[in-house]
Amino acid sequence: MLEASIREKLTMGFAPEHLEVINESHMHNVPPGSESHFKIILVSADLEPMSRVARHQAIYRALQEERASGVHALAIHAYSPDEWQKKGMMAPGSPNCMGGTGR
């Protein structure tokens, strides 16, 4: 439910060329089926003029409701199309949780 809401809001707000919303809750010490930790890979021309900080702020604003209703962590990888190409169309992997290995 939260994953779908995140996907919908980012699609509407940023017209992405590429979007991945990955539920990484299973990598953390949370109950099975949780939707609390997400990795977002967002590629949009709308991000081109923004600094990295401004990109994150815009994404946080777009996801205010989700952050208030259960999202504990967002790993955000936000790129312009040119940056995405230069990165080989790959975002960094996520580290394991330092607070537990999940269930």
PDB file of N, CA and C in Angstrom:
ATOM      1  N   MET A   1       0.817  -1.191   0.000  1.00  0.00           N
ATOM      2  CA  MET A   1       0.000   0.000   0.000  1.00  0.00           C
ATOM      3  C   MET A   1       0.865   1.259   0.000  1.00  0.00           C
ATOM      4  N   LEU A   2       1.831   1.366   0.944  1.00  0.00           N
ATOM      5  CA  LEU A   2       2.717   2.525   0.963  1.00  0.00           C
ATOM      6  C   LEU A   2       3.583   2.560  -0.288  1.00  0.00           C
ATOM      7  N   GLU A   3       4.063   1.411  -0.709  1.00  0.00           N
ATOM      8  CA  GLU A   3       4.901   1.356  -1.908  1.00  0.00           C
ATOM      9  C   GLU A   3       4.146   1.905  -3.121  1.00  0.00           C
ATOM     10  N   ALA A   4       2.908   1.517  -3.289  1.00  0.00           N
ATOM     11  CA  ALA A   4       2.092   2.000  -4.414  1.00  0.00           C
ATOM     12  C   ALA A   4       1.847   3.501  -4.304  1.00  0.00           C
ATOM     13  N   SER A   5       1.613   3.988  -3.109  1.00  0.00           N
ATOM     14  CA  SER A   5       1.388   5.412  -2.903  1.00  0.00           C
ATOM     15  C   SER A   5       2.643   6.216  -3.230  1.00  0.00           C
ATOM     16  N   ILE A   6       3.787   5.724  -2.807  1.00  0.00           N
ATOM     17  CA  ILE A   6       5.056   6.385  -3.112  1.00  0.00           C
ATOM     18  C   ILE A   6       5.263   6.444  -4.618  1.00  0.00           C
ATOM     19  N   ARG A   7       5.060   5.329  -5.284  1.00  0.00           N
ATOM     20  CA  ARG A   7       5.234   5.251  -6.741  1.00  0.00           C
ATOM     21  C   ARG A   7       4.303   6.256  -7.450  1.00  0.00           C
ATOM     22  N   GLU A   8       3.053   6.289  -7.032  1.00  0.00           N
ATOM     23  CA  GLU A   8       2.073   7.179  -7.654  1.00  0.00           C
ATOM     24  C   GLU A   8       2.442   8.651  -7.474  1.00  0.00           C
ATOM     25  N   LYS A   9       2.817   9.034  -6.263  1.00  0.00           N
ATOM     26  CA  LYS A   9       3.138  10.440  -6.006  1.00  0.00           C
ATOM     27  C   LYS A   9       4.398  10.886  -6.734  1.00  0.00           C
ATOM     28  N   LEU A  10       5.401  10.016  -6.796  1.00  0.00           N
ATOM     29  CA  LEU A  10       6.624  10.384  -7.507  1.00  0.00           C
ATOM     30  C   LEU A  10       6.387  10.447  -9.012  1.00  0.00           C
ATOM     31  N   THR A  11       5.536   9.578  -9.521  1.00  0.00           N
ATOM     32  CA  THR A  11       5.203   9.597 -10.948  1.00  0.00           C
ATOM     33  C   THR A  11       4.463  10.884 -11.296  1.00  0.00           C
ATOM     34  N   MET A  12       3.502  11.245 -10.474  1.00  0.00           N
ATOM     35  CA  MET A  12       2.730  12.464 -10.722  1.00  0.00           C
ATOM     36  C   MET A  12       3.578  13.725 -10.529  1.00  0.00           C
ATOM     37  N   GLY A  13       4.462  13.713  -9.557  1.00  0.00           N
ATOM     38  CA  GLY A  13       5.220  14.904  -9.216  1.00  0.00           C
ATOM     39  C   GLY A  13       6.459  15.162 -10.046  1.00  0.00           C
ATOM     40  N   PHE A  14       7.026  14.108 -10.658  1.00  0.00           N
ATOM     41  CA  PHE A  14       8.317  14.275 -11.318  1.00  0.00           C
ATOM     42  C   PHE A  14       8.377  13.759 -12.755  1.00  0.00           C
ATOM     43  N   ALA A  15       7.314  13.163 -13.271  1.00  0.00           N
ATOM     44  CA  ALA A  15       7.304  12.627 -14.640  1.00  0.00           C
ATOM     45  C   ALA A  15       8.618  11.879 -14.933  1.00  0.00           C
ATOM     46  N   PRO A  16       8.915  10.837 -14.172  1.00  0.00           N
ATOM     47  CA  PRO A  16      10.219  10.187 -14.306  1.00  0.00           C
ATOM     48  C   PRO A  16      10.406   9.417 -15.617  1.00  0.00           C
ATOM     49  N   GLU A  17      11.654   9.426 -16.065  1.00  0.00           N
ATOM     50  CA  GLU A  17      12.051   8.567 -17.177  1.00  0.00           C
ATOM     51  C   GLU A  17      12.327   7.162 -16.660  1.00  0.00           C
ATOM     52  N   HIS A  18      12.716   7.089 -15.400  1.00  0.00           N
ATOM     53  CA  HIS A  18      12.981   5.809 -14.747  1.00  0.00           C
ATOM     54  C   HIS A  18      12.618   5.973 -13.276  1.00  0.00           C
ATOM     55  N   LEU A  19      11.915   4.987 -12.726  1.00  0.00           N
ATOM     56  CA  LEU A  19      11.542   5.024 -11.313  1.00  0.00           C
ATOM     57  C   LEU A  19      11.547   3.610 -10.765  1.00  0.00           C
ATOM     58  N   GLU A  20      12.248   3.451  -9.662  1.00  0.00           N
ATOM     59  CA  GLU A  20      12.195   2.198  -8.902  1.00  0.00           C
ATOM     60  C   GLU A  20      11.873   2.565  -7.462  1.00  0.00           C
ATOM     61  N   VAL A  21      10.889   1.888  -6.905  1.00  0.00           N
ATOM     62  CA  VAL A  21      10.550   2.017  -5.496  1.00  0.00           C
ATOM     63  C   VAL A  21      10.695   0.617  -4.923  1.00  0.00           C
ATOM     64  N   ILE A  22      11.728   0.424  -4.116  1.00  0.00           N
ATOM     65  CA  ILE A  22      12.086  -0.904  -3.629  1.00  0.00           C
ATOM     66  C   ILE A  22      11.864  -0.963  -2.122  1.00  0.00           C
ATOM     67  N   ASN A  23      11.007  -1.883  -1.702  1.00  0.00           N
ATOM     68  CA  ASN A  23      10.760  -2.080  -0.272  1.00  0.00           C
ATOM     69  C   ASN A  23      11.925  -2.888   0.296  1.00  0.00           C
ATOM     70  N   GLU A  24      12.746  -2.240   1.102  1.00  0.00           N
ATOM     71  CA  GLU A  24      13.906  -2.896   1.707  1.00  0.00           C
ATOM     72  C   GLU A  24      13.678  -3.221   3.182  1.00  0.00           C
ATOM     73  N   SER A  25      12.439  -3.231   3.599  1.00  0.00           N
ATOM     74  CA  SER A  25      12.118  -3.484   5.002  1.00  0.00           C
ATOM     75  C   SER A  25      12.651  -4.835   5.470  1.00  0.00           C
ATOM     76  N   HIS A  26      12.643  -5.826   4.577  1.00  0.00           N
ATOM     77  CA  HIS A  26      13.124  -7.165   4.941  1.00  0.00           C
ATOM     78  C   HIS A  26      14.595  -7.160   5.357  1.00  0.00           C
ATOM     79  N   MET A  27      15.332  -6.106   5.020  1.00  0.00           N
ATOM     80  CA  MET A  27      16.748  -5.999   5.382  1.00  0.00           C
ATOM     81  C   MET A  27      16.932  -5.406   6.776  1.00  0.00           C
ATOM     82  N   HIS A  28      15.838  -5.127   7.439  1.00  0.00           N
ATOM     83  CA  HIS A  28      15.885  -4.472   8.742  1.00  0.00           C
ATOM     84  C   HIS A  28      15.140  -5.306   9.774  1.00  0.00           C
ATOM     85  N   ASN A  29      15.318  -4.961  11.025  1.00  0.00           N
ATOM     86  CA  ASN A  29      14.722  -5.710  12.122  1.00  0.00           C
ATOM     87  C   ASN A  29      13.284  -5.240  12.340  1.00  0.00           C
ATOM     88  N   VAL A  30      12.410  -5.635  11.407  1.00  0.00           N
ATOM     89  CA  VAL A  30      10.998  -5.265  11.455  1.00  0.00           C
ATOM     90  C   VAL A  30      10.157  -6.511  11.216  1.00  0.00           C
ATOM     91  N   PRO A  31       8.881  -6.478  11.566  1.00  0.00           N
ATOM     92  CA  PRO A  31       8.027  -7.641  11.335  1.00  0.00           C
ATOM     93  C   PRO A  31       7.898  -7.960   9.840  1.00  0.00           C
ATOM     94  N   PRO A  32       7.720  -9.231   9.495  1.00  0.00           N
ATOM     95  CA  PRO A  32       7.510  -9.601   8.093  1.00  0.00           C
ATOM     96  C   PRO A  32       6.336  -8.825   7.487  1.00  0.00           C
ATOM     97  N   GLY A  33       6.470  -8.456   6.225  1.00  0.00           N
ATOM     98  CA  GLY A  33       5.408  -7.728   5.541  1.00  0.00           C
ATOM     99  C   GLY A  33       5.407  -6.228   5.788  1.00  0.00           C
ATOM    100  N   SER A  34       6.403  -5.735   6.527  1.00  0.00           N
ATOM    101  CA  SER A  34       6.460  -4.304   6.843  1.00  0.00           C
ATOM    102  C   SER A  34       6.736  -3.472   5.598  1.00  0.00           C
ATOM    103  N   GLU A  35       6.275  -2.244   5.638  1.00  0.00           N
ATOM    104  CA  GLU A  35       6.575  -1.247   4.612  1.00  0.00           C
ATOM    105  C   GLU A  35       7.103  -0.012   5.323  1.00  0.00           C
ATOM    106  N   SER A  36       8.378  -0.084   5.713  1.00  0.00           N
ATOM    107  CA  SER A  36       8.932   0.998   6.512  1.00  0.00           C
ATOM    108  C   SER A  36      10.250   1.548   5.965  1.00  0.00           C
ATOM    109  N   HIS A  37      10.947   0.783   5.152  1.00  0.00           N
ATOM    110  CA  HIS A  37      12.246   1.181   4.613  1.00  0.00           C
ATOM    111  C   HIS A  37      12.211   1.031   3.093  1.00  0.00           C
ATOM    112  N   PHE A  38      12.466   2.132   2.392  1.00  0.00           N
ATOM    113  CA  PHE A  38      12.395   2.106   0.931  1.00  0.00           C
ATOM    114  C   PHE A  38      13.636   2.705   0.297  1.00  0.00           C
ATOM    115  N   LYS A  39      13.984   2.159  -0.843  1.00  0.00           N
ATOM    116  CA  LYS A  39      15.020   2.719  -1.705  1.00  0.00           C
ATOM    117  C   LYS A  39      14.306   3.269  -2.930  1.00  0.00           C
ATOM    118  N   ILE A  40      14.597   4.522  -3.249  1.00  0.00           N
ATOM    119  CA  ILE A  40      13.981   5.186  -4.394  1.00  0.00           C
ATOM    120  C   ILE A  40      15.076   5.548  -5.389  1.00  0.00           C
ATOM    121  N   ILE A  41      14.881   5.114  -6.618  1.00  0.00           N
ATOM    122  CA  ILE A  41      15.748   5.528  -7.715  1.00  0.00           C
ATOM    123  C   ILE A  41      14.854   6.301  -8.672  1.00  0.00           C
ATOM    124  N   LEU A  42      15.124   7.588  -8.794  1.00  0.00           N
ATOM    125  CA  LEU A  42      14.279   8.487  -9.578  1.00  0.00           C
ATOM    126  C   LEU A  42      15.144   9.223 -10.590  1.00  0.00           C
ATOM    127  N   VAL A  43      14.781   9.075 -11.857  1.00  0.00           N
ATOM    128  CA  VAL A  43      15.483   9.767 -12.938  1.00  0.00           C
ATOM    129  C   VAL A  43      14.456  10.643 -13.645  1.00  0.00           C
ATOM    130  N   SER A  44      14.702  11.948 -13.635  1.00  0.00           N
ATOM    131  CA  SER A  44      13.735  12.877 -14.223  1.00  0.00           C
ATOM    132  C   SER A  44      14.438  14.141 -14.707  1.00  0.00           C
ATOM    133  N   ALA A  45      14.014  14.627 -15.847  1.00  0.00           N
ATOM    134  CA  ALA A  45      14.522  15.905 -16.339  1.00  0.00           C
ATOM    135  C   ALA A  45      14.134  17.038 -15.397  1.00  0.00           C
ATOM    136  N   ASP A  46      13.070  16.869 -14.639  1.00  0.00           N
ATOM    137  CA  ASP A  46      12.642  17.882 -13.670  1.00  0.00           C
ATOM    138  C   ASP A  46      13.714  18.136 -12.607  1.00  0.00           C
ATOM    139  N   LEU A  47      14.598  17.162 -12.391  1.00  0.00           N
ATOM    140  CA  LEU A  47      15.631  17.282 -11.360  1.00  0.00           C
ATOM    141  C   LEU A  47      16.871  18.023 -11.844  1.00  0.00           C
ATOM    142  N   GLU A  48      16.993  18.202 -13.145  1.00  0.00           N
ATOM    143  CA  GLU A  48      18.196  18.776 -13.762  1.00  0.00           C
ATOM    144  C   GLU A  48      18.688  20.054 -13.082  1.00  0.00           C
ATOM    145  N   PRO A  49      17.833  21.041 -12.862  1.00  0.00           N
ATOM    146  CA  PRO A  49      18.356  22.292 -12.305  1.00  0.00           C
ATOM    147  C   PRO A  49      18.569  22.265 -10.788  1.00  0.00           C
ATOM    148  N   MET A  50      18.176  21.203 -10.124  1.00  0.00           N
ATOM    149  CA  MET A  50      18.211  21.171  -8.657  1.00  0.00           C
ATOM    150  C   MET A  50      19.529  20.611  -8.126  1.00  0.00           C
ATOM    151  N   SER A  51      19.943  21.139  -6.975  1.00  0.00           N
ATOM    152  CA  SER A  51      21.080  20.549  -6.261  1.00  0.00           C
ATOM    153  C   SER A  51      20.625  19.226  -5.652  1.00  0.00           C
ATOM    154  N   ARG A  52      21.575  18.461  -5.186  1.00  0.00           N
ATOM    155  CA  ARG A  52      21.244  17.181  -4.540  1.00  0.00           C
ATOM    156  C   ARG A  52      20.329  17.393  -3.332  1.00  0.00           C
ATOM    157  N   VAL A  53      20.621  18.402  -2.535  1.00  0.00           N
ATOM    158  CA  VAL A  53      19.804  18.700  -1.353  1.00  0.00           C
ATOM    159  C   VAL A  53      18.389  19.094  -1.772  1.00  0.00           C
ATOM    160  N   ALA A  54      18.278  19.943  -2.781  1.00  0.00           N
ATOM    161  CA  ALA A  54      16.959  20.383  -3.244  1.00  0.00           C
ATOM    162  C   ALA A  54      16.152  19.201  -3.794  1.00  0.00           C
ATOM    163  N   ARG A  55      16.804  18.269  -4.439  1.00  0.00           N
ATOM    164  CA  ARG A  55      16.126  17.069  -4.956  1.00  0.00           C
ATOM    165  C   ARG A  55      15.528  16.267  -3.799  1.00  0.00           C
ATOM    166  N   HIS A  56      16.323  16.052  -2.774  1.00  0.00           N
ATOM    167  CA  HIS A  56      15.847  15.289  -1.618  1.00  0.00           C
ATOM    168  C   HIS A  56      14.705  16.018  -0.929  1.00  0.00           C
ATOM    169  N   GLN A  57      14.833  17.331  -0.798  1.00  0.00           N
ATOM    170  CA  GLN A  57      13.772  18.112  -0.167  1.00  0.00           C
ATOM    171  C   GLN A  57      12.469  18.008  -0.962  1.00  0.00           C
ATOM    172  N   ALA A  58      12.567  18.059  -2.278  1.00  0.00           N
ATOM    173  CA  ALA A  58      11.374  17.957  -3.122  1.00  0.00           C
ATOM    174  C   ALA A  58      10.711  16.589  -2.975  1.00  0.00           C
ATOM    175  N   ILE A  59      11.514  15.554  -2.893  1.00  0.00           N
ATOM    176  CA  ILE A  59      10.972  14.196  -2.725  1.00  0.00           C
ATOM    177  C   ILE A  59      10.342  14.059  -1.341  1.00  0.00           C
ATOM    178  N   TYR A  60      11.002  14.565  -0.309  1.00  0.00           N
ATOM    179  CA  TYR A  60      10.417  14.522   1.033  1.00  0.00           C
ATOM    180  C   TYR A  60       9.077  15.256   1.077  1.00  0.00           C
ATOM    181  N   ARG A  61       9.000  16.411   0.420  1.00  0.00           N
ATOM    182  CA  ARG A  61       7.729  17.160   0.383  1.00  0.00           C
ATOM    183  C   ARG A  61       6.646  16.339  -0.312  1.00  0.00           C
ATOM    184  N   ALA A  62       6.994  15.710  -1.416  1.00  0.00           N
ATOM    185  CA  ALA A  62       6.010  14.915  -2.165  1.00  0.00           C
ATOM    186  C   ALA A  62       5.499  13.734  -1.347  1.00  0.00           C
ATOM    187  N   LEU A  63       6.327  13.255  -0.422  1.00  0.00           N
ATOM    188  CA  LEU A  63       5.974  12.055   0.355  1.00  0.00           C
ATOM    189  C   LEU A  63       5.695  12.360   1.823  1.00  0.00           C
ATOM    190  N   GLN A  64       5.230  13.563   2.111  1.00  0.00           N
ATOM    191  CA  GLN A  64       4.945  13.960   3.499  1.00  0.00           C
ATOM    192  C   GLN A  64       4.001  12.998   4.202  1.00  0.00           C
ATOM    193  N   GLU A  65       2.911  12.657   3.551  1.00  0.00           N
ATOM    194  CA  GLU A  65       1.914  11.776   4.178  1.00  0.00           C
ATOM    195  C   GLU A  65       2.497  10.397   4.470  1.00  0.00           C
ATOM    196  N   GLU A  66       3.242   9.854   3.535  1.00  0.00           N
ATOM    197  CA  GLU A  66       3.819   8.517   3.717  1.00  0.00           C
ATOM    198  C   GLU A  66       4.850   8.521   4.841  1.00  0.00           C
ATOM    199  N   ARG A  67       5.626   9.583   4.915  1.00  0.00           N
ATOM    200  CA  ARG A  67       6.628   9.680   5.977  1.00  0.00           C
ATOM    201  C   ARG A  67       5.960   9.796   7.340  1.00  0.00           C
ATOM    202  N   ALA A  68       4.790  10.407   7.391  1.00  0.00           N
ATOM    203  CA  ALA A  68       4.069  10.566   8.653  1.00  0.00           C
ATOM    204  C   ALA A  68       3.287   9.308   9.029  1.00  0.00           C
ATOM    205  N   SER A  69       3.094   8.413   8.069  1.00  0.00           N
ATOM    206  CA  SER A  69       2.240   7.247   8.339  1.00  0.00           C
ATOM    207  C   SER A  69       2.978   5.916   8.244  1.00  0.00           C
ATOM    208  N   GLY A  70       4.238   5.874   8.614  1.00  0.00           N
ATOM    209  CA  GLY A  70       4.893   4.591   8.724  1.00  0.00           C
ATOM    210  C   GLY A  70       6.212   4.414   8.006  1.00  0.00           C
ATOM    211  N   VAL A  71       6.553   5.296   7.073  1.00  0.00           N
ATOM    212  CA  VAL A  71       7.849   5.165   6.410  1.00  0.00           C
ATOM    213  C   VAL A  71       8.920   5.649   7.379  1.00  0.00           C
ATOM    214  N   HIS A  72       9.820   4.752   7.710  1.00  0.00           N
ATOM    215  CA  HIS A  72      10.873   5.054   8.677  1.00  0.00           C
ATOM    216  C   HIS A  72      12.125   5.580   7.982  1.00  0.00           C
ATOM    217  N   ALA A  73      12.428   5.047   6.787  1.00  0.00           N
ATOM    218  CA  ALA A  73      13.667   5.432   6.118  1.00  0.00           C
ATOM    219  C   ALA A  73      13.487   5.428   4.603  1.00  0.00           C
ATOM    220  N   LEU A  74      14.102   6.431   3.975  1.00  0.00           N
ATOM    221  CA  LEU A  74      14.131   6.516   2.517  1.00  0.00           C
ATOM    222  C   LEU A  74      15.587   6.641   2.078  1.00  0.00           C
ATOM    223  N   ALA A  75      16.030   5.740   1.236  1.00  0.00           N
ATOM    224  CA  ALA A  75      17.328   5.875   0.579  1.00  0.00           C
ATOM    225  C   ALA A  75      17.019   6.445  -0.792  1.00  0.00           C
ATOM    226  N   ILE A  76      17.423   7.687  -1.019  1.00  0.00           N
ATOM    227  CA  ILE A  76      17.050   8.390  -2.243  1.00  0.00           C
ATOM    228  C   ILE A  76      18.241   8.507  -3.172  1.00  0.00           C
ATOM    229  N   HIS A  77      18.043   8.061  -4.398  1.00  0.00           N
ATOM    230  CA  HIS A  77      19.029   8.199  -5.465  1.00  0.00           C
ATOM    231  C   HIS A  77      18.302   8.912  -6.597  1.00  0.00           C
ATOM    232  N   ALA A  78      18.526  10.217  -6.709  1.00  0.00           N
ATOM    233  CA  ALA A  78      17.788  11.054  -7.650  1.00  0.00           C
ATOM    234  C   ALA A  78      18.755  11.655  -8.662  1.00  0.00           C
ATOM    235  N   TYR A  79      18.474  11.417  -9.948  1.00  0.00           N
ATOM    236  CA  TYR A  79      19.391  11.819 -11.003  1.00  0.00           C
ATOM    237  C   TYR A  79      18.668  12.509 -12.154  1.00  0.00           C
ATOM    238  N   SER A  80      19.394  13.371 -12.838  1.00  0.00           N
ATOM    239  CA  SER A  80      18.939  13.858 -14.134  1.00  0.00           C
ATOM    240  C   SER A  80      19.220  12.734 -15.138  1.00  0.00           C
ATOM    241  N   PRO A  81      18.602  12.759 -16.309  1.00  0.00           N
ATOM    242  CA  PRO A  81      18.884  11.714 -17.306  1.00  0.00           C
ATOM    243  C   PRO A  81      20.363  11.618 -17.675  1.00  0.00           C
ATOM    244  N   ASP A  82      21.062  12.752 -17.806  1.00  0.00           N
ATOM    245  CA  ASP A  82      22.493  12.713 -18.132  1.00  0.00           C
ATOM    246  C   ASP A  82      23.305  12.077 -17.013  1.00  0.00           C
ATOM    247  N   GLU A  83      22.997  12.423 -15.766  1.00  0.00           N
ATOM    248  CA  GLU A  83      23.709  11.825 -14.625  1.00  0.00           C
ATOM    249  C   GLU A  83      23.488  10.315 -14.582  1.00  0.00           C
ATOM    250  N   TRP A  84      22.265   9.898 -14.847  1.00  0.00           N
ATOM    251  CA  TRP A  84      21.912   8.474 -14.834  1.00  0.00           C
ATOM    252  C   TRP A  84      22.730   7.723 -15.892  1.00  0.00           C
ATOM    253  N   GLN A  85      22.843   8.301 -17.074  1.00  0.00           N
ATOM    254  CA  GLN A  85      23.640   7.690 -18.147  1.00  0.00           C
ATOM    255  C   GLN A  85      25.105   7.580 -17.724  1.00  0.00           C
ATOM    256  N   LYS A  86      25.646   8.633 -17.134  1.00  0.00           N
ATOM    257  CA  LYS A  86      27.047   8.643 -16.703  1.00  0.00           C
ATOM    258  C   LYS A  86      27.311   7.621 -15.610  1.00  0.00           C
ATOM    259  N   LYS A  87      26.306   7.301 -14.831  1.00  0.00           N
ATOM    260  CA  LYS A  87      26.441   6.307 -13.754  1.00  0.00           C
ATOM    261  C   LYS A  87      26.247   4.887 -14.275  1.00  0.00           C
ATOM    262  N   GLY A  88      26.084   4.755 -15.581  1.00  0.00           N
ATOM    263  CA  GLY A  88      25.864   3.431 -16.151  1.00  0.00           C
ATOM    264  C   GLY A  88      24.478   2.902 -15.863  1.00  0.00           C
ATOM    265  N   MET A  89      23.548   3.799 -15.586  1.00  0.00           N
ATOM    266  CA  MET A  89      22.161   3.454 -15.281  1.00  0.00           C
ATOM    267  C   MET A  89      22.067   2.483 -14.108  1.00  0.00           C
ATOM    268  N   MET A  90      22.891   2.741 -13.084  1.00  0.00           N
ATOM    269  CA  MET A  90      22.893   1.921 -11.868  1.00  0.00           C
ATOM    270  C   MET A  90      23.033   2.818 -10.647  1.00  0.00           C
ATOM    271  N   ALA A  91      22.280   2.485  -9.616  1.00  0.00           N
ATOM    272  CA  ALA A  91      22.385   3.178  -8.331  1.00  0.00           C
ATOM    273  C   ALA A  91      23.181   2.287  -7.381  1.00  0.00           C
ATOM    274  N   PRO A  92      23.786   2.879  -6.363  1.00  0.00           N
ATOM    275  CA  PRO A  92      24.534   2.078  -5.392  1.00  0.00           C
ATOM    276  C   PRO A  92      23.628   1.084  -4.665  1.00  0.00           C
ATOM    277  N   GLY A  93      24.211  -0.015  -4.247  1.00  0.00           N
ATOM    278  CA  GLY A  93      23.485  -0.989  -3.442  1.00  0.00           C
ATOM    279  C   GLY A  93      23.259  -0.456  -2.043  1.00  0.00           C
ATOM    280  N   SER A  94      22.372  -1.096  -1.333  1.00  0.00           N
ATOM    281  CA  SER A  94      22.068  -0.684   0.031  1.00  0.00           C
ATOM    282  C   SER A  94      22.822  -1.560   1.023  1.00  0.00           C
ATOM    283  N   PRO A  95      23.353  -0.950   2.068  1.00  0.00           N
ATOM    284  CA  PRO A  95      24.051  -1.741   3.094  1.00  0.00           C
ATOM    285  C   PRO A  95      23.050  -2.492   3.962  1.00  0.00           C
ATOM    286  N   ASN A  96      23.532  -3.511   4.626  1.00  0.00           N
ATOM    287  CA  ASN A  96      22.699  -4.207   5.605  1.00  0.00           C
ATOM    288  C   ASN A  96      22.472  -3.303   6.802  1.00  0.00           C
ATOM    289  N   CYS A  97      21.353  -3.493   7.458  1.00  0.00           N
ATOM    290  CA  CYS A  97      21.008  -2.725   8.638  1.00  0.00           C
ATOM    291  C   CYS A  97      22.011  -3.012   9.754  1.00  0.00           C
ATOM    292  N   MET A  98      22.469  -1.963  10.410  1.00  0.00           N
ATOM    293  CA  MET A  98      23.395  -2.137  11.518  1.00  0.00           C
ATOM    294  C   MET A  98      22.672  -2.526  12.808  1.00  0.00           C
ATOM    295  N   GLY A  99      21.342  -2.380  12.832  1.00  0.00           N
ATOM    296  CA  GLY A  99      20.586  -2.663  14.040  1.00  0.00           C
ATOM    297  C   GLY A  99      19.994  -4.055  14.080  1.00  0.00           C
ATOM    298  N   GLY A 100      20.252  -4.862  13.088  1.00  0.00           N
ATOM    299  CA  GLY A 100      19.697  -6.213  13.030  1.00  0.00           C
ATOM    300  C   GLY A 100      19.710  -6.716  11.603  1.00  0.00           C
ATOM    301  N   THR A 101      19.474  -7.981  11.444  1.00  0.00           N
ATOM    302  CA  THR A 101      19.556  -8.577  10.110  1.00  0.00           C
ATOM    303  C   THR A 101      18.194  -8.847   9.523  1.00  0.00           C
ATOM    304  N   GLY A 102      17.151  -8.433  10.155  1.00  0.00           N
ATOM    305  CA  GLY A 102      15.814  -8.693   9.653  1.00  0.00           C
ATOM    306  C   GLY A 102      15.289  -9.996  10.195  1.00  0.00           C
ATOM    307  N   ARG A 103      14.107 -10.385   9.720  1.00  0.00           N
ATOM    308  CA  ARG A 103      13.504 -11.626  10.229  1.00  0.00           C
ATOM    309  C   ARG A 103      13.190 -12.545   9.102  1.00  0.00           C
TER     310      ARG A 103
END
